[in-house]
């Protein structure tokens, strides 16, 4: 069975965005050896427009063949004129307010999000599933997350959108690896203890 991986950026104090969900401040730190890491190890997580700009538009997927995100995260792409921001992946958007998909590559999940994710995890594939965000969908899928890849940026927000927007529950993970970059970003890999 393939994994659901929450590959997410956060501040030192654990927020994935400001109180409105904006995380643009992290973008100023995507450079140097960290940018090289993203483009070579996780090119699947870069939008099609970003891949075009970086000259990796045709880079093969390395880890994921599907992306799951909430309405708020997806809205960023829509607002930028990208109804299929990750067209190199199968795209799934959890939303009860979008009645019809704005793009053939995007499947809207209006009901039974957990059931749909379990069905995706049960598919026969060499690739995993990327949980892109945001907080609310991560909270709904907390029991389904098998791996955390947390990109911690050297910024403190003080308040904002938590990594998991859900009620109190303990989920145990084991630390697999840590890598630090010249710009102060630290990436940590965790596997779910089941």
N, C-alpha and C. Protein backbone atom coordinates (compact mmCIF):
# COMPACT_ATOMS: atom_id res chain seq x y z
N UNK A 1 0.85 -1.18 0.00
CA UNK A 1 0.00 0.00 0.00
C UNK A 1 0.89 1.24 0.00
N UNK A 2 0.51 2.20 -0.81
CA UNK A 2 1.33 3.40 -0.87
C UNK A 2 1.00 4.36 0.27
N UNK A 3 1.90 5.31 0.48
CA UNK A 3 1.80 6.21 1.62
C UNK A 3 1.15 7.54 1.25
N UNK A 4 0.52 8.13 2.27
CA UNK A 4 0.10 9.52 2.20
C UNK A 4 1.16 10.32 2.93
N UNK A 5 1.84 11.20 2.21
CA UNK A 5 2.95 11.99 2.75
C UNK A 5 2.53 13.45 2.86
N UNK A 6 2.57 13.97 4.07
CA UNK A 6 2.31 15.40 4.28
C UNK A 6 3.64 16.11 4.14
N UNK A 7 3.89 16.66 2.95
CA UNK A 7 5.11 17.40 2.62
C UNK A 7 4.73 18.86 2.76
N UNK A 8 5.21 19.50 3.82
CA UNK A 8 4.67 20.81 4.20
C UNK A 8 5.76 21.75 4.69
N UNK A 9 5.55 23.02 4.46
CA UNK A 9 6.45 24.07 4.96
C UNK A 9 5.84 24.67 6.21
N UNK A 10 6.71 24.98 7.19
CA UNK A 10 6.20 25.61 8.41
C UNK A 10 7.26 26.53 9.00
N UNK A 11 6.78 27.39 9.89
CA UNK A 11 7.68 28.28 10.62
C UNK A 11 8.32 27.51 11.78
N UNK A 12 9.29 28.14 12.44
CA UNK A 12 9.92 27.51 13.60
C UNK A 12 8.91 27.16 14.68
N UNK A 13 7.86 27.96 14.79
CA UNK A 13 6.86 27.71 15.82
C UNK A 13 5.66 26.91 15.30
N UNK A 14 5.83 26.23 14.16
CA UNK A 14 4.86 25.24 13.71
C UNK A 14 3.67 25.72 12.92
N UNK A 15 3.73 26.92 12.36
CA UNK A 15 2.61 27.43 11.58
C UNK A 15 2.90 27.29 10.08
N UNK A 16 1.88 26.87 9.33
CA UNK A 16 2.05 26.71 7.88
C UNK A 16 1.64 27.96 7.12
N UNK A 17 1.19 28.95 7.84
CA UNK A 17 0.82 30.23 7.24
C UNK A 17 0.40 31.19 8.32
N UNK A 18 0.22 32.44 7.95
CA UNK A 18 -0.25 33.43 8.91
C UNK A 18 -1.71 33.12 9.25
N UNK A 19 -2.37 33.91 10.10
CA UNK A 19 -3.76 33.59 10.45
C UNK A 19 -4.71 33.45 9.26
N UNK A 20 -4.39 34.09 8.14
CA UNK A 20 -5.22 33.96 6.93
C UNK A 20 -4.74 32.83 6.03
N UNK A 21 -3.62 32.17 6.40
CA UNK A 21 -3.10 31.07 5.61
C UNK A 21 -2.00 31.45 4.64
N UNK A 22 -1.61 32.71 4.59
CA UNK A 22 -0.56 33.17 3.67
C UNK A 22 0.81 32.73 4.19
N UNK A 23 1.57 32.07 3.32
CA UNK A 23 2.91 31.61 3.68
C UNK A 23 3.95 32.14 2.68
N UNK A 24 3.65 33.25 2.03
CA UNK A 24 4.57 33.80 1.03
C UNK A 24 5.92 34.18 1.59
N UNK A 25 6.00 34.44 2.89
CA UNK A 25 7.30 34.81 3.47
C UNK A 25 8.33 33.70 3.33
N UNK A 26 7.88 32.46 3.24
CA UNK A 26 8.81 31.33 3.08
C UNK A 26 9.51 31.38 1.72
N UNK A 27 8.84 31.93 0.72
CA UNK A 27 9.38 31.89 -0.64
C UNK A 27 10.73 32.60 -0.78
N UNK A 28 10.96 33.60 0.06
CA UNK A 28 12.24 34.33 -0.03
C UNK A 28 13.43 33.44 0.35
N UNK A 29 13.15 32.30 0.99
CA UNK A 29 14.22 31.40 1.42
C UNK A 29 14.40 30.20 0.50
N UNK A 30 13.66 30.16 -0.59
CA UNK A 30 13.81 29.05 -1.54
C UNK A 30 14.89 29.44 -2.54
N UNK A 31 16.13 29.09 -2.16
CA UNK A 31 17.28 29.46 -2.98
C UNK A 31 18.44 28.51 -2.66
N UNK A 32 19.52 28.67 -3.40
CA UNK A 32 20.76 27.95 -3.13
C UNK A 32 20.60 26.44 -3.09
N UNK A 33 21.28 25.82 -2.11
CA UNK A 33 21.26 24.36 -2.03
C UNK A 33 19.87 23.82 -1.68
N UNK A 34 19.04 24.64 -1.03
CA UNK A 34 17.68 24.20 -0.73
C UNK A 34 16.85 24.12 -2.02
N UNK A 35 16.96 25.11 -2.88
CA UNK A 35 16.26 25.08 -4.17
C UNK A 35 16.73 23.89 -4.99
N UNK A 36 18.03 23.64 -4.99
CA UNK A 36 18.56 22.48 -5.72
C UNK A 36 17.98 21.18 -5.18
N UNK A 37 17.85 21.08 -3.86
CA UNK A 37 17.25 19.91 -3.22
C UNK A 37 15.81 19.72 -3.71
N UNK A 38 15.03 20.80 -3.71
CA UNK A 38 13.64 20.70 -4.13
C UNK A 38 13.52 20.28 -5.59
N UNK A 39 14.34 20.87 -6.45
CA UNK A 39 14.23 20.57 -7.89
C UNK A 39 14.73 19.18 -8.24
N UNK A 40 15.68 18.65 -7.47
CA UNK A 40 16.20 17.32 -7.79
C UNK A 40 15.52 16.20 -7.01
N UNK A 41 15.14 16.45 -5.77
CA UNK A 41 14.56 15.40 -4.93
C UNK A 41 13.04 15.42 -4.88
N UNK A 42 12.44 16.59 -5.01
CA UNK A 42 10.99 16.72 -4.92
C UNK A 42 10.41 17.59 -6.06
N UNK A 43 10.81 17.32 -7.32
CA UNK A 43 10.29 18.15 -8.41
C UNK A 43 8.78 18.02 -8.57
N UNK A 44 8.22 16.91 -8.10
CA UNK A 44 6.78 16.67 -8.19
C UNK A 44 5.99 17.73 -7.43
N UNK A 45 6.60 18.33 -6.39
CA UNK A 45 5.90 19.27 -5.52
C UNK A 45 5.99 20.71 -6.00
N UNK A 46 6.59 20.90 -7.14
CA UNK A 46 6.69 22.24 -7.73
C UNK A 46 5.60 22.37 -8.79
N UNK A 47 4.88 23.48 -8.75
CA UNK A 47 3.78 23.68 -9.71
C UNK A 47 4.31 23.65 -11.15
N UNK A 48 3.39 23.43 -12.08
CA UNK A 48 3.81 23.40 -13.48
C UNK A 48 4.45 24.72 -13.89
N UNK A 49 3.90 25.82 -13.43
CA UNK A 49 4.48 27.13 -13.77
C UNK A 49 5.88 27.26 -13.16
N UNK A 50 6.04 26.84 -11.92
CA UNK A 50 7.35 26.87 -11.28
C UNK A 50 8.35 25.99 -12.00
N UNK A 51 7.91 24.81 -12.41
CA UNK A 51 8.78 23.89 -13.15
C UNK A 51 9.22 24.53 -14.47
N UNK A 52 8.29 25.23 -15.14
CA UNK A 52 8.63 25.89 -16.40
C UNK A 52 9.69 26.97 -16.16
N UNK A 53 9.48 27.79 -15.14
CA UNK A 53 10.41 28.88 -14.82
C UNK A 53 11.79 28.33 -14.46
N UNK A 54 11.82 27.21 -13.73
CA UNK A 54 13.08 26.62 -13.28
C UNK A 54 13.75 25.76 -14.35
N UNK A 55 13.10 25.58 -15.48
CA UNK A 55 13.68 24.78 -16.56
C UNK A 55 13.60 23.29 -16.32
N UNK A 56 12.64 22.85 -15.50
CA UNK A 56 12.48 21.42 -15.22
C UNK A 56 11.06 20.95 -15.59
N UNK A 57 10.47 21.60 -16.58
CA UNK A 57 9.07 21.29 -16.96
C UNK A 57 8.88 19.82 -17.28
N UNK A 58 9.88 19.18 -17.85
CA UNK A 58 9.75 17.78 -18.25
C UNK A 58 10.38 16.82 -17.25
N UNK A 59 10.74 17.31 -16.07
CA UNK A 59 11.34 16.43 -15.06
C UNK A 59 10.36 15.32 -14.69
N UNK A 60 10.84 14.08 -14.62
CA UNK A 60 9.93 12.99 -14.25
C UNK A 60 9.54 13.08 -12.77
N UNK A 61 8.37 12.56 -12.46
CA UNK A 61 7.96 12.48 -11.06
C UNK A 61 8.89 11.50 -10.34
N UNK A 62 9.31 11.86 -9.16
CA UNK A 62 10.22 11.01 -8.40
C UNK A 62 9.53 10.29 -7.25
N UNK A 63 8.55 10.95 -6.62
CA UNK A 63 7.95 10.38 -5.42
C UNK A 63 6.44 10.25 -5.47
N UNK A 64 5.78 11.17 -6.15
CA UNK A 64 4.32 11.25 -6.10
C UNK A 64 3.71 11.19 -7.49
N UNK A 65 2.49 10.64 -7.55
CA UNK A 65 1.72 10.71 -8.79
C UNK A 65 0.36 11.36 -8.55
N UNK A 66 0.11 11.76 -7.30
CA UNK A 66 -1.17 12.38 -6.95
C UNK A 66 -0.93 13.42 -5.86
N UNK A 67 -1.76 14.47 -5.90
CA UNK A 67 -1.70 15.51 -4.87
C UNK A 67 -3.11 15.74 -4.35
N UNK A 68 -3.21 15.89 -3.03
CA UNK A 68 -4.48 16.17 -2.37
C UNK A 68 -4.33 17.49 -1.65
N UNK A 69 -5.30 18.37 -1.84
CA UNK A 69 -5.26 19.65 -1.15
C UNK A 69 -6.66 20.12 -0.84
N UNK A 70 -6.73 21.04 0.10
CA UNK A 70 -8.01 21.63 0.47
C UNK A 70 -8.36 22.79 -0.44
N UNK A 71 -9.55 23.30 -0.27
CA UNK A 71 -10.05 24.40 -1.10
C UNK A 71 -9.16 25.63 -0.98
N UNK A 72 -8.73 25.98 0.24
CA UNK A 72 -7.91 27.18 0.43
C UNK A 72 -6.60 27.10 -0.32
N UNK A 73 -5.92 25.96 -0.24
CA UNK A 73 -4.65 25.79 -0.96
C UNK A 73 -4.89 25.82 -2.47
N UNK A 74 -5.94 25.15 -2.90
CA UNK A 74 -6.25 25.11 -4.33
C UNK A 74 -6.62 26.49 -4.86
N UNK A 75 -7.27 27.29 -4.02
CA UNK A 75 -7.71 28.62 -4.45
C UNK A 75 -6.53 29.49 -4.87
N UNK A 76 -5.36 29.28 -4.27
CA UNK A 76 -4.16 30.04 -4.65
C UNK A 76 -3.86 29.84 -6.13
N UNK A 77 -3.95 28.60 -6.60
CA UNK A 77 -3.73 28.31 -8.01
C UNK A 77 -4.81 28.92 -8.89
N UNK A 78 -6.06 28.78 -8.45
CA UNK A 78 -7.16 29.36 -9.22
C UNK A 78 -6.99 30.87 -9.37
N UNK A 79 -6.64 31.53 -8.26
CA UNK A 79 -6.46 32.98 -8.30
C UNK A 79 -5.32 33.40 -9.22
N UNK A 80 -4.35 32.51 -9.41
CA UNK A 80 -3.22 32.80 -10.30
C UNK A 80 -3.50 32.34 -11.73
N UNK A 81 -4.74 31.92 -12.00
CA UNK A 81 -5.09 31.49 -13.35
C UNK A 81 -4.64 30.08 -13.67
N UNK A 82 -4.43 29.25 -12.63
CA UNK A 82 -3.98 27.87 -12.84
C UNK A 82 -5.03 26.91 -12.26
N UNK A 83 -6.01 26.48 -13.06
CA UNK A 83 -7.01 25.55 -12.55
C UNK A 83 -6.48 24.14 -12.35
N UNK A 84 -5.29 23.86 -12.89
CA UNK A 84 -4.61 22.57 -12.68
C UNK A 84 -3.14 22.87 -12.39
N UNK A 85 -2.84 23.39 -11.19
CA UNK A 85 -1.48 23.84 -10.91
C UNK A 85 -0.44 22.72 -10.91
N UNK A 86 -0.87 21.51 -10.63
CA UNK A 86 0.05 20.36 -10.61
C UNK A 86 -0.38 19.35 -11.67
N UNK A 87 -0.47 19.81 -12.90
CA UNK A 87 -0.97 18.98 -14.00
C UNK A 87 -0.13 17.76 -14.28
N UNK A 88 1.08 17.69 -13.75
CA UNK A 88 1.93 16.52 -13.91
C UNK A 88 1.57 15.43 -12.91
N UNK A 89 0.58 15.72 -12.02
CA UNK A 89 0.07 14.77 -11.03
C UNK A 89 -1.44 14.66 -11.20
N UNK A 90 -2.02 13.61 -10.66
CA UNK A 90 -3.48 13.55 -10.52
C UNK A 90 -3.82 14.48 -9.37
N UNK A 91 -4.79 15.36 -9.57
CA UNK A 91 -5.11 16.37 -8.56
C UNK A 91 -6.47 16.10 -7.93
N UNK A 92 -6.48 16.17 -6.60
CA UNK A 92 -7.70 15.97 -5.83
C UNK A 92 -7.87 17.16 -4.90
N UNK A 93 -9.06 17.74 -4.90
CA UNK A 93 -9.33 18.91 -4.07
C UNK A 93 -10.53 18.59 -3.18
N UNK A 94 -10.33 18.69 -1.88
CA UNK A 94 -11.42 18.50 -0.92
C UNK A 94 -12.17 19.81 -0.80
N UNK A 95 -13.42 19.81 -1.25
CA UNK A 95 -14.22 21.03 -1.21
C UNK A 95 -15.70 20.69 -1.29
N UNK A 96 -16.47 21.34 -0.43
CA UNK A 96 -17.92 21.22 -0.53
C UNK A 96 -18.51 22.43 -1.26
N UNK A 97 -17.69 23.44 -1.54
CA UNK A 97 -18.21 24.65 -2.17
C UNK A 97 -17.95 24.71 -3.67
N UNK A 98 -17.06 23.88 -4.19
CA UNK A 98 -16.85 23.83 -5.64
C UNK A 98 -17.75 22.72 -6.17
N UNK A 99 -18.75 23.11 -6.95
CA UNK A 99 -19.73 22.14 -7.43
C UNK A 99 -19.22 21.33 -8.62
N UNK A 100 -18.46 21.98 -9.49
CA UNK A 100 -17.95 21.30 -10.69
C UNK A 100 -16.48 21.63 -10.84
N UNK A 101 -15.69 20.61 -11.17
CA UNK A 101 -14.26 20.82 -11.34
C UNK A 101 -13.99 21.81 -12.47
N UNK A 102 -13.09 22.79 -12.21
CA UNK A 102 -12.76 23.76 -13.26
C UNK A 102 -11.76 23.21 -14.28
N UNK A 103 -11.29 21.96 -14.09
CA UNK A 103 -10.31 21.38 -15.02
C UNK A 103 -10.48 19.87 -15.03
N UNK A 104 -10.34 19.22 -16.20
CA UNK A 104 -10.52 17.77 -16.27
C UNK A 104 -9.52 16.97 -15.42
N UNK A 105 -8.37 17.54 -15.11
CA UNK A 105 -7.36 16.83 -14.31
C UNK A 105 -7.64 16.91 -12.81
N UNK A 106 -8.62 17.71 -12.41
CA UNK A 106 -8.89 17.95 -11.00
C UNK A 106 -10.19 17.26 -10.60
N UNK A 107 -10.08 16.36 -9.63
CA UNK A 107 -11.26 15.70 -9.07
C UNK A 107 -11.64 16.40 -7.77
N UNK A 108 -12.88 16.81 -7.67
CA UNK A 108 -13.38 17.43 -6.45
C UNK A 108 -13.92 16.33 -5.53
N UNK A 109 -13.48 16.33 -4.29
CA UNK A 109 -13.96 15.38 -3.29
C UNK A 109 -14.85 16.17 -2.33
N UNK A 110 -16.16 15.98 -2.49
CA UNK A 110 -17.12 16.72 -1.66
C UNK A 110 -17.57 15.93 -0.45
N UNK A 111 -17.50 14.61 -0.52
CA UNK A 111 -17.96 13.74 0.56
C UNK A 111 -16.95 12.62 0.79
N UNK A 112 -16.92 12.11 2.00
CA UNK A 112 -16.10 10.95 2.39
C UNK A 112 -14.64 11.09 1.94
N UNK A 113 -14.02 12.16 2.38
CA UNK A 113 -12.62 12.40 2.07
C UNK A 113 -11.73 11.24 2.51
N UNK A 114 -11.93 10.77 3.74
CA UNK A 114 -11.10 9.67 4.25
C UNK A 114 -11.26 8.42 3.38
N UNK A 115 -12.49 8.10 3.01
CA UNK A 115 -12.72 6.94 2.16
C UNK A 115 -12.03 7.06 0.81
N UNK A 116 -12.07 8.26 0.22
CA UNK A 116 -11.43 8.46 -1.09
C UNK A 116 -9.92 8.32 -0.97
N UNK A 117 -9.35 8.85 0.12
CA UNK A 117 -7.90 8.74 0.32
C UNK A 117 -7.51 7.29 0.56
N UNK A 118 -8.30 6.57 1.31
CA UNK A 118 -8.01 5.14 1.52
C UNK A 118 -8.03 4.38 0.20
N UNK A 119 -8.98 4.72 -0.67
CA UNK A 119 -9.03 4.08 -1.98
C UNK A 119 -7.79 4.42 -2.81
N UNK A 120 -7.34 5.67 -2.76
CA UNK A 120 -6.12 6.06 -3.47
C UNK A 120 -4.90 5.32 -2.93
N UNK A 121 -4.83 5.19 -1.61
CA UNK A 121 -3.69 4.50 -0.99
C UNK A 121 -3.67 3.02 -1.38
N UNK A 122 -4.84 2.44 -1.64
CA UNK A 122 -4.93 1.02 -1.98
C UNK A 122 -4.62 0.75 -3.45
N UNK A 123 -4.53 1.78 -4.27
CA UNK A 123 -4.21 1.60 -5.69
C UNK A 123 -2.81 1.01 -5.85
N UNK A 124 -2.62 0.29 -6.92
CA UNK A 124 -1.32 -0.28 -7.24
C UNK A 124 -0.50 0.79 -7.96
N UNK A 125 0.49 1.33 -7.28
CA UNK A 125 1.32 2.38 -7.86
C UNK A 125 2.68 2.37 -7.19
N UNK A 126 3.70 2.72 -7.95
CA UNK A 126 5.05 2.83 -7.40
C UNK A 126 5.25 4.17 -6.70
N UNK A 127 4.26 5.07 -6.83
CA UNK A 127 4.37 6.42 -6.28
C UNK A 127 3.45 6.59 -5.07
N UNK A 128 3.83 7.53 -4.21
CA UNK A 128 3.01 7.86 -3.06
C UNK A 128 2.09 9.03 -3.39
N UNK A 129 1.32 9.45 -2.39
CA UNK A 129 0.35 10.54 -2.53
C UNK A 129 0.83 11.70 -1.68
N UNK A 130 0.84 12.88 -2.26
CA UNK A 130 1.30 14.08 -1.56
C UNK A 130 0.10 14.83 -1.00
N UNK A 131 0.10 15.00 0.31
CA UNK A 131 -0.86 15.88 0.97
C UNK A 131 -0.23 17.25 1.00
N UNK A 132 -0.77 18.15 0.21
CA UNK A 132 -0.19 19.49 0.02
C UNK A 132 -0.61 20.45 1.14
N UNK A 133 -1.79 20.32 1.61
CA UNK A 133 -2.32 21.22 2.64
C UNK A 133 -3.74 21.56 2.30
N UNK A 134 -4.35 22.30 3.11
CA UNK A 134 -3.87 23.03 4.26
C UNK A 134 -4.22 22.38 5.57
N UNK A 135 -4.33 23.23 6.55
CA UNK A 135 -4.49 22.83 7.93
C UNK A 135 -5.73 21.99 8.18
N UNK A 136 -6.86 22.43 7.65
CA UNK A 136 -8.12 21.73 7.91
C UNK A 136 -8.12 20.33 7.30
N UNK A 137 -7.68 20.22 6.05
CA UNK A 137 -7.66 18.90 5.41
C UNK A 137 -6.65 17.99 6.09
N UNK A 138 -5.51 18.54 6.53
CA UNK A 138 -4.53 17.74 7.25
C UNK A 138 -5.13 17.22 8.56
N UNK A 139 -5.92 18.06 9.22
CA UNK A 139 -6.59 17.62 10.43
C UNK A 139 -7.57 16.49 10.16
N UNK A 140 -8.32 16.59 9.07
CA UNK A 140 -9.28 15.54 8.72
C UNK A 140 -8.58 14.23 8.36
N UNK A 141 -7.37 14.34 7.80
CA UNK A 141 -6.64 13.15 7.35
C UNK A 141 -5.53 12.73 8.30
N UNK A 142 -5.50 13.27 9.51
CA UNK A 142 -4.40 13.00 10.44
C UNK A 142 -4.19 11.50 10.66
N UNK A 143 -5.27 10.73 10.74
CA UNK A 143 -5.13 9.28 10.95
C UNK A 143 -4.61 8.56 9.72
N UNK A 144 -4.67 9.19 8.56
CA UNK A 144 -4.24 8.56 7.30
C UNK A 144 -2.81 8.92 6.91
N UNK A 145 -2.22 9.93 7.55
CA UNK A 145 -0.87 10.37 7.20
C UNK A 145 0.15 9.32 7.65
N UNK A 146 0.94 8.84 6.70
CA UNK A 146 1.95 7.81 6.97
C UNK A 146 3.34 8.40 7.15
N UNK A 147 3.58 9.55 6.54
CA UNK A 147 4.91 10.15 6.56
C UNK A 147 4.76 11.66 6.62
N UNK A 148 5.62 12.29 7.41
CA UNK A 148 5.72 13.75 7.45
C UNK A 148 7.07 14.14 6.89
N UNK A 149 7.07 15.09 5.97
CA UNK A 149 8.31 15.72 5.51
C UNK A 149 8.08 17.20 5.78
N UNK A 150 8.74 17.68 6.84
CA UNK A 150 8.50 19.04 7.31
C UNK A 150 9.69 19.93 6.95
N UNK A 151 9.40 20.93 6.13
CA UNK A 151 10.41 21.93 5.75
C UNK A 151 10.24 23.09 6.73
N UNK A 152 11.14 23.20 7.69
CA UNK A 152 11.02 24.25 8.71
C UNK A 152 11.87 25.45 8.29
N UNK A 153 11.20 26.58 8.12
CA UNK A 153 11.86 27.81 7.70
C UNK A 153 12.26 28.62 8.94
N UNK A 154 13.39 29.30 8.91
CA UNK A 154 13.88 30.03 10.09
C UNK A 154 13.14 31.35 10.30
N UNK A 155 11.84 31.24 10.52
CA UNK A 155 10.99 32.39 10.80
C UNK A 155 10.05 32.01 11.95
N UNK A 156 9.71 32.99 12.77
CA UNK A 156 8.73 32.80 13.83
C UNK A 156 7.51 33.63 13.49
N UNK A 157 6.33 32.99 13.49
CA UNK A 157 5.09 33.69 13.15
C UNK A 157 4.36 34.22 14.38
N UNK A 158 4.47 33.54 15.49
CA UNK A 158 3.76 33.98 16.69
C UNK A 158 2.35 33.45 16.76
N UNK A 159 1.65 33.48 15.65
CA UNK A 159 0.33 32.86 15.55
C UNK A 159 0.08 32.60 14.07
N UNK A 160 -0.93 31.81 13.81
CA UNK A 160 -1.23 31.52 12.42
C UNK A 160 -1.97 30.23 12.26
N UNK A 161 -1.84 29.64 11.08
CA UNK A 161 -2.52 28.41 10.73
C UNK A 161 -1.66 27.23 11.18
N UNK A 162 -2.19 26.37 12.06
CA UNK A 162 -1.40 25.23 12.53
C UNK A 162 -1.21 24.18 11.45
N UNK A 163 -0.24 23.33 11.65
CA UNK A 163 0.03 22.26 10.70
C UNK A 163 -1.16 21.32 10.56
N UNK A 164 -1.80 20.98 11.67
CA UNK A 164 -2.98 20.13 11.69
C UNK A 164 -4.11 20.89 12.38
N UNK A 165 -5.11 21.28 11.64
CA UNK A 165 -6.25 21.98 12.20
C UNK A 165 -7.30 20.99 12.66
N UNK A 166 -7.08 20.43 13.82
CA UNK A 166 -8.02 19.43 14.34
C UNK A 166 -8.01 19.50 15.86
N UNK A 167 -8.88 18.74 16.45
CA UNK A 167 -8.90 18.67 17.91
C UNK A 167 -7.67 17.94 18.43
N UNK A 168 -7.54 17.92 19.73
CA UNK A 168 -6.38 17.30 20.35
C UNK A 168 -6.39 15.79 20.13
N UNK A 169 -5.29 15.27 19.63
CA UNK A 169 -5.08 13.84 19.47
C UNK A 169 -3.59 13.61 19.30
N UNK A 170 -3.08 12.57 19.89
CA UNK A 170 -1.65 12.25 19.78
C UNK A 170 -1.45 11.21 18.69
N UNK A 171 -0.54 11.52 17.77
CA UNK A 171 -0.13 10.60 16.71
C UNK A 171 1.38 10.50 16.81
N UNK A 172 1.91 9.31 17.01
CA UNK A 172 3.34 9.13 17.19
C UNK A 172 4.06 8.87 15.87
N UNK A 173 5.21 9.52 15.73
CA UNK A 173 6.06 9.37 14.56
C UNK A 173 7.49 9.13 15.02
N UNK A 174 8.26 8.43 14.20
CA UNK A 174 9.68 8.24 14.46
C UNK A 174 10.49 9.09 13.49
N UNK A 175 11.54 9.72 14.00
CA UNK A 175 12.42 10.55 13.16
C UNK A 175 13.31 9.65 12.31
N UNK A 176 13.25 9.86 10.99
CA UNK A 176 14.05 9.06 10.05
C UNK A 176 15.32 9.78 9.61
N UNK A 177 15.23 11.09 9.39
CA UNK A 177 16.38 11.84 8.88
C UNK A 177 16.17 13.32 9.10
N UNK A 178 17.29 14.05 9.09
CA UNK A 178 17.28 15.52 9.20
C UNK A 178 18.33 16.05 8.25
N UNK A 179 18.00 17.13 7.57
CA UNK A 179 18.97 17.78 6.69
C UNK A 179 18.85 19.28 6.83
N UNK A 180 19.97 19.94 7.04
CA UNK A 180 20.00 21.40 7.17
C UNK A 180 20.61 22.00 5.90
N UNK A 181 20.13 23.20 5.56
CA UNK A 181 20.57 23.89 4.36
C UNK A 181 21.22 25.22 4.72
N UNK A 182 21.99 25.76 3.77
CA UNK A 182 22.75 26.99 4.01
C UNK A 182 21.87 28.18 4.39
N UNK A 183 20.63 28.21 3.92
CA UNK A 183 19.74 29.34 4.19
C UNK A 183 19.01 29.21 5.54
N UNK A 184 19.31 28.17 6.31
CA UNK A 184 18.70 27.98 7.62
C UNK A 184 17.48 27.08 7.61
N UNK A 185 17.01 26.65 6.44
CA UNK A 185 15.90 25.71 6.37
C UNK A 185 16.37 24.34 6.83
N UNK A 186 15.53 23.67 7.60
CA UNK A 186 15.80 22.31 8.05
C UNK A 186 14.65 21.43 7.58
N UNK A 187 14.99 20.30 6.96
CA UNK A 187 13.97 19.34 6.53
C UNK A 187 14.09 18.11 7.41
N UNK A 188 12.94 17.68 7.94
CA UNK A 188 12.89 16.48 8.79
C UNK A 188 11.91 15.48 8.18
N UNK A 189 12.32 14.22 8.20
CA UNK A 189 11.48 13.13 7.71
C UNK A 189 11.05 12.29 8.90
N UNK A 190 9.75 12.01 8.98
CA UNK A 190 9.20 11.18 10.05
C UNK A 190 8.30 10.10 9.45
N UNK A 191 8.34 8.90 10.05
CA UNK A 191 7.43 7.82 9.66
C UNK A 191 6.45 7.57 10.79
N UNK A 192 5.22 7.29 10.43
CA UNK A 192 4.17 7.03 11.40
C UNK A 192 4.42 5.73 12.14
N UNK A 193 4.30 5.75 13.44
CA UNK A 193 4.38 4.54 14.24
C UNK A 193 2.96 4.01 14.37
N UNK A 194 2.73 2.82 13.86
CA UNK A 194 1.38 2.24 13.90
C UNK A 194 1.37 0.99 14.75
